[in-house]
Structures are given as C-alpha cells and as structure tokens.
Amino acid sequence: MPNYYYPESGTSEYYIQDKDTLYLIAQRYGITIDAIVNANPGIDPTKLIKNQKIYIPTKAPEVPVPCTLLLVPAHSPGSYKYIGGVIVKQYSSTAYLYTIVASELPLPNTLGKYDSYLAEIRIQNRPHWVLLSYVASKYPVWTGSIILPFPPGIGDIIVISPNGDRITGEGILGGVFGQCSEPK
C-alpha cells in the first residue's frame, strides 16, 4: 500500500552526502523510504548525487494507539442488533491505517439491488470510500481498510451504507470521532 505525503505536513532540506542511501537517510530521520520518495517527485533512489538537495518530511504527530470508534445503528442508536467499529493506528511516520469492521448486518441484497457495503470516512471534511468485504464466519462480518495521510479529528464521521447509497441518507451504521486518547 502506498505511503502518502502532503507537503503541508512540513519538510526540511537535506543535502546528499557520500555513501548516502535513502534507507540510511530514512533510518536517520525515523521515517520511511516511501515518505522520502513521495516528498521528492522524480527522485531516482539508485542515482543519488553528492550535494543533491532533497526534502525530508517531518514526522507526523502520533495518534494514541489504538484510537477506536464504536459504530451504532443510525435509525435506532439504543439497539445493538448490528454493530461496528473503527480502529485507527499509526501505520508510518506519515500515514494512518483505518480498519472498519461491522457485524450482523443484513445481506445487502435484502435492502435493495446491492451486493456489498461501502464505508464513507469523512476526515477533515474530505470523503474517503472503503469497500467492505464479506468474511465468511459463524457470524456475518464485513471489513475493509484504508491508509490516509492524516489522523481523525474531533467531529470527523464514518457512515456505512449499502454500496450505491453514497450519502443518500444516514446509512445503516454511523459514528462521530471524539477525542482519541490512550486507555487509562
């Protein structure tokens, strides 16, 4: 999976020295090689030149691990007929892994002409879509994941709907991120 780097996260300049490799530079700064490559479009990792200027992404702030969110039925929040959750974990210095799991959902084709579920994660008011896959088990489970270049913030949302219902309603499950903090 790709590592995404957004310049607004900050960079510092670095000048290639003798015997430098992107691996050594990444180790020195505590970041990934992918983060360096993404910060320097067009760089050829096999042809580094002494005194060549590159940009080193600053390390992103860590999200307390794990950051979790309970998803409850949108139409009857007190009912736990079906339930879901999101776990967010720092994947690298510039990326966060969002894993979505939902259990006991009705088969999508019982709700209309659907064959799967789609999760919309709206982080910093930007929608990101995750197709959930069915996992055959004793209890029906739907799961999916996505890597994003930013952690969740207070008020960011997630909604799970049958695939094809992109923001046409409240969805079947939903939740709003609060303050993520480590368990006490």
Protein backbone atom coordinates (compact mmCIF):
# COMPACT_ATOMS: atom_id res chain seq x y z
CA MET A 1 0.00 0.00 0.00
CA PRO A 2 1.35 3.43 -0.84
CA ASN A 3 2.51 5.97 1.70
CA TYR A 4 1.02 9.39 1.04
CA TYR A 5 2.88 12.60 1.82
CA TYR A 6 1.28 16.01 1.83
CA PRO A 7 3.74 18.96 1.74
CA GLU A 8 1.69 20.93 4.31
CA SER A 9 2.94 18.38 6.86
CA GLY A 10 6.32 20.15 6.63
CA THR A 11 9.74 19.32 5.28
CA SER A 12 13.34 20.12 5.92
CA GLU A 13 16.11 20.32 3.33
CA TYR A 14 18.85 17.71 3.23
CA TYR A 15 21.95 17.52 1.01
CA ILE A 16 23.11 14.06 -0.09
CA GLN A 17 26.49 13.03 1.34
CA ASP A 18 28.99 10.38 0.20
CA LYS A 19 27.65 6.84 0.68
CA ASP A 20 24.10 8.06 1.48
CA THR A 21 21.21 5.83 0.55
CA LEU A 22 17.53 6.54 1.04
CA TYR A 23 17.47 3.65 3.50
CA LEU A 24 20.17 5.26 5.68
CA ILE A 25 18.53 8.68 5.46
CA ALA A 26 15.13 7.22 6.38
CA GLN A 27 16.67 5.41 9.36
CA ARG A 28 18.45 8.60 10.49
CA TYR A 29 15.20 10.61 10.46
CA GLY A 30 12.87 7.84 11.67
CA ILE A 31 10.70 7.88 8.54
CA THR A 32 10.09 5.52 5.62
CA ILE A 33 11.81 5.44 2.25
CA ASP A 34 8.37 5.87 0.65
CA ALA A 35 7.87 9.10 2.62
CA ILE A 36 11.14 10.49 1.21
CA VAL A 37 10.26 9.39 -2.34
CA ASN A 38 6.78 10.95 -2.05
CA ALA A 39 8.31 14.22 -0.83
CA ASN A 40 10.68 14.27 -3.81
CA PRO A 41 8.78 13.50 -7.04
CA GLY A 42 11.11 12.32 -9.78
CA ILE A 43 13.92 11.26 -7.45
CA ASP A 44 15.77 8.12 -8.61
CA PRO A 45 16.82 6.25 -5.44
CA THR A 46 19.55 4.43 -7.40
CA LYS A 47 21.18 7.65 -8.70
CA LEU A 48 21.74 9.92 -5.71
CA ILE A 49 24.34 12.63 -6.33
CA LYS A 50 26.56 14.21 -3.67
CA ASN A 51 25.17 17.66 -2.66
CA GLN A 52 21.82 16.90 -4.34
CA LYS A 53 19.08 18.68 -2.38
CA ILE A 54 16.15 16.56 -1.24
CA TYR A 55 13.28 17.20 1.14
CA ILE A 56 12.79 15.22 4.32
CA PRO A 57 9.20 15.09 5.60
CA THR A 58 8.84 15.98 9.25
CA LYS A 59 7.49 13.16 11.36
CA ALA A 60 3.74 13.36 11.86
CA PRO A 61 2.40 13.55 15.41
CA GLU A 62 1.46 10.14 16.76
CA VAL A 63 -2.15 9.16 17.30
CA PRO A 64 -2.68 7.38 20.61
CA VAL A 65 -2.85 3.72 19.69
CA PRO A 66 -5.34 2.36 19.20
CA CYS A 67 -7.87 5.09 18.52
CA THR A 68 -11.26 3.41 18.35
CA LEU A 69 -14.81 4.39 17.45
CA LEU A 70 -17.97 2.38 18.08
CA LEU A 71 -20.47 2.44 15.20
CA VAL A 72 -24.14 2.09 16.13
CA PRO A 73 -27.34 1.75 14.09
CA ALA A 74 -28.27 5.11 12.58
CA HIS A 75 -32.04 4.66 12.91
CA SER A 76 -32.12 3.17 16.41
CA PRO A 77 -28.99 4.17 18.39
CA GLY A 78 -30.07 2.25 21.53
CA SER A 79 -30.35 -1.02 19.60
CA TYR A 80 -27.32 -3.24 19.10
CA LYS A 81 -28.91 -5.64 16.60
CA TYR A 82 -25.84 -4.98 14.47
CA ILE A 83 -22.74 -3.12 15.41
CA GLY A 84 -19.42 -2.00 14.04
CA GLY A 85 -16.20 -0.27 14.89
CA VAL A 86 -13.19 1.58 13.53
CA ILE A 87 -9.64 1.23 14.76
CA VAL A 88 -7.07 3.83 13.72
CA LYS A 89 -3.39 3.05 14.13
CA GLN A 90 -0.32 4.94 13.03
CA TYR A 91 0.97 3.00 10.01
CA SER A 92 4.15 5.02 9.38
CA SER A 93 5.51 8.46 10.16
CA THR A 94 3.17 9.99 7.57
CA ALA A 95 0.23 7.59 7.33
CA TYR A 96 -2.62 6.17 9.41
CA LEU A 97 -4.37 2.82 8.94
CA TYR A 98 -8.17 2.87 9.36
CA THR A 99 -9.73 -0.59 9.79
CA ILE A 100 -13.53 -0.86 9.70
CA VAL A 101 -15.46 -3.90 10.94
CA ALA A 102 -19.24 -4.41 11.01
CA SER A 103 -21.09 -7.45 12.31
CA GLU A 104 -24.55 -8.93 11.93
CA LEU A 105 -25.52 -6.58 9.06
CA PRO A 106 -28.35 -7.85 6.88
CA LEU A 107 -27.27 -9.15 3.49
CA PRO A 108 -27.17 -6.07 1.22
CA ASN A 109 -29.48 -7.64 -1.39
CA THR A 110 -32.26 -7.74 1.25
CA LEU A 111 -32.15 -3.92 1.31
CA GLY A 112 -32.38 -3.43 -2.46
CA LYS A 113 -30.22 -4.02 -5.52
CA TYR A 114 -26.95 -4.06 -3.57
CA ASP A 115 -24.18 -6.60 -3.34
CA SER A 116 -21.85 -5.07 -0.74
CA TYR A 117 -21.39 -2.31 1.81
CA LEU A 118 -19.48 0.93 1.44
CA ALA A 119 -17.97 2.92 4.31
CA GLU A 120 -17.53 6.66 3.93
CA ILE A 121 -14.89 8.14 6.20
CA ARG A 122 -15.15 11.93 6.21
CA ILE A 123 -11.85 13.23 7.64
CA GLN A 124 -11.16 16.98 7.59
CA ASN A 125 -14.37 17.29 5.55
CA ARG A 126 -12.90 15.12 2.75
CA PRO A 127 -14.73 11.90 1.86
CA HIS A 128 -12.78 8.67 1.53
CA TRP A 129 -14.51 5.45 0.44
CA VAL A 130 -13.82 1.93 1.60
CA LEU A 131 -15.50 -1.09 0.03
CA LEU A 132 -16.24 -3.60 2.78
CA SER A 133 -15.65 -7.28 2.05
CA TYR A 134 -17.72 -10.12 3.44
CA VAL A 135 -15.83 -12.50 5.73
CA ALA A 136 -17.46 -15.93 5.94
CA SER A 137 -17.70 -16.98 9.55
CA LYS A 138 -20.26 -18.19 12.07
CA TYR A 139 -21.44 -14.56 12.29
CA PRO A 140 -21.53 -12.37 9.17
CA VAL A 141 -18.70 -9.83 9.31
CA TRP A 142 -17.88 -7.07 6.82
CA THR A 143 -14.44 -5.47 6.89
CA GLY A 144 -12.21 -3.08 4.96
CA SER A 145 -9.25 -0.78 5.48
CA ILE A 146 -7.64 2.31 4.04
CA ILE A 147 -4.41 4.23 4.64
CA LEU A 148 -4.78 8.00 4.88
CA PRO A 149 -2.16 10.72 5.43
CA PHE A 150 -3.90 12.19 8.47
CA PRO A 151 -5.40 11.04 11.77
CA PRO A 152 -9.07 11.50 12.68
CA GLY A 153 -10.13 14.71 14.38
CA ILE A 154 -12.96 15.53 16.71
CA GLY A 155 -16.21 15.61 14.72
CA ASP A 156 -14.95 13.53 11.78
CA ILE A 157 -17.55 10.92 10.78
CA ILE A 158 -17.95 7.46 9.35
CA VAL A 159 -21.13 6.04 7.79
CA ILE A 160 -21.71 2.52 6.45
CA SER A 161 -24.35 2.12 3.72
CA PRO A 162 -25.23 -0.49 1.12
CA ASN A 163 -22.90 0.07 -1.85
CA GLY A 164 -24.63 2.57 -4.14
CA ASP A 165 -26.10 4.79 -1.41
CA ARG A 166 -23.24 7.31 -1.16
CA ILE A 167 -24.54 9.90 1.29
CA THR A 168 -28.16 9.46 0.31
CA GLY A 169 -29.12 9.10 3.95
CA GLU A 170 -27.86 8.26 7.39
CA GLY A 171 -26.61 4.84 6.36
CA ILE A 172 -27.09 1.67 8.34
CA LEU A 173 -24.30 2.31 10.89
CA GLY A 174 -22.55 5.51 11.84
CA GLY A 175 -20.39 7.31 14.34
CA VAL A 176 -18.52 10.53 15.09
CA PHE A 177 -14.93 10.64 16.30
CA GLY A 178 -14.38 12.26 19.67
CA GLN A 179 -11.04 12.89 21.37
CA CYS A 180 -8.80 9.87 20.84
CA SER A 181 -6.80 9.07 23.92
CA GLU A 182 -4.98 6.13 25.42
CA PRO A 183 -6.93 3.94 27.83
CA LYS A 184 -6.22 4.72 31.48
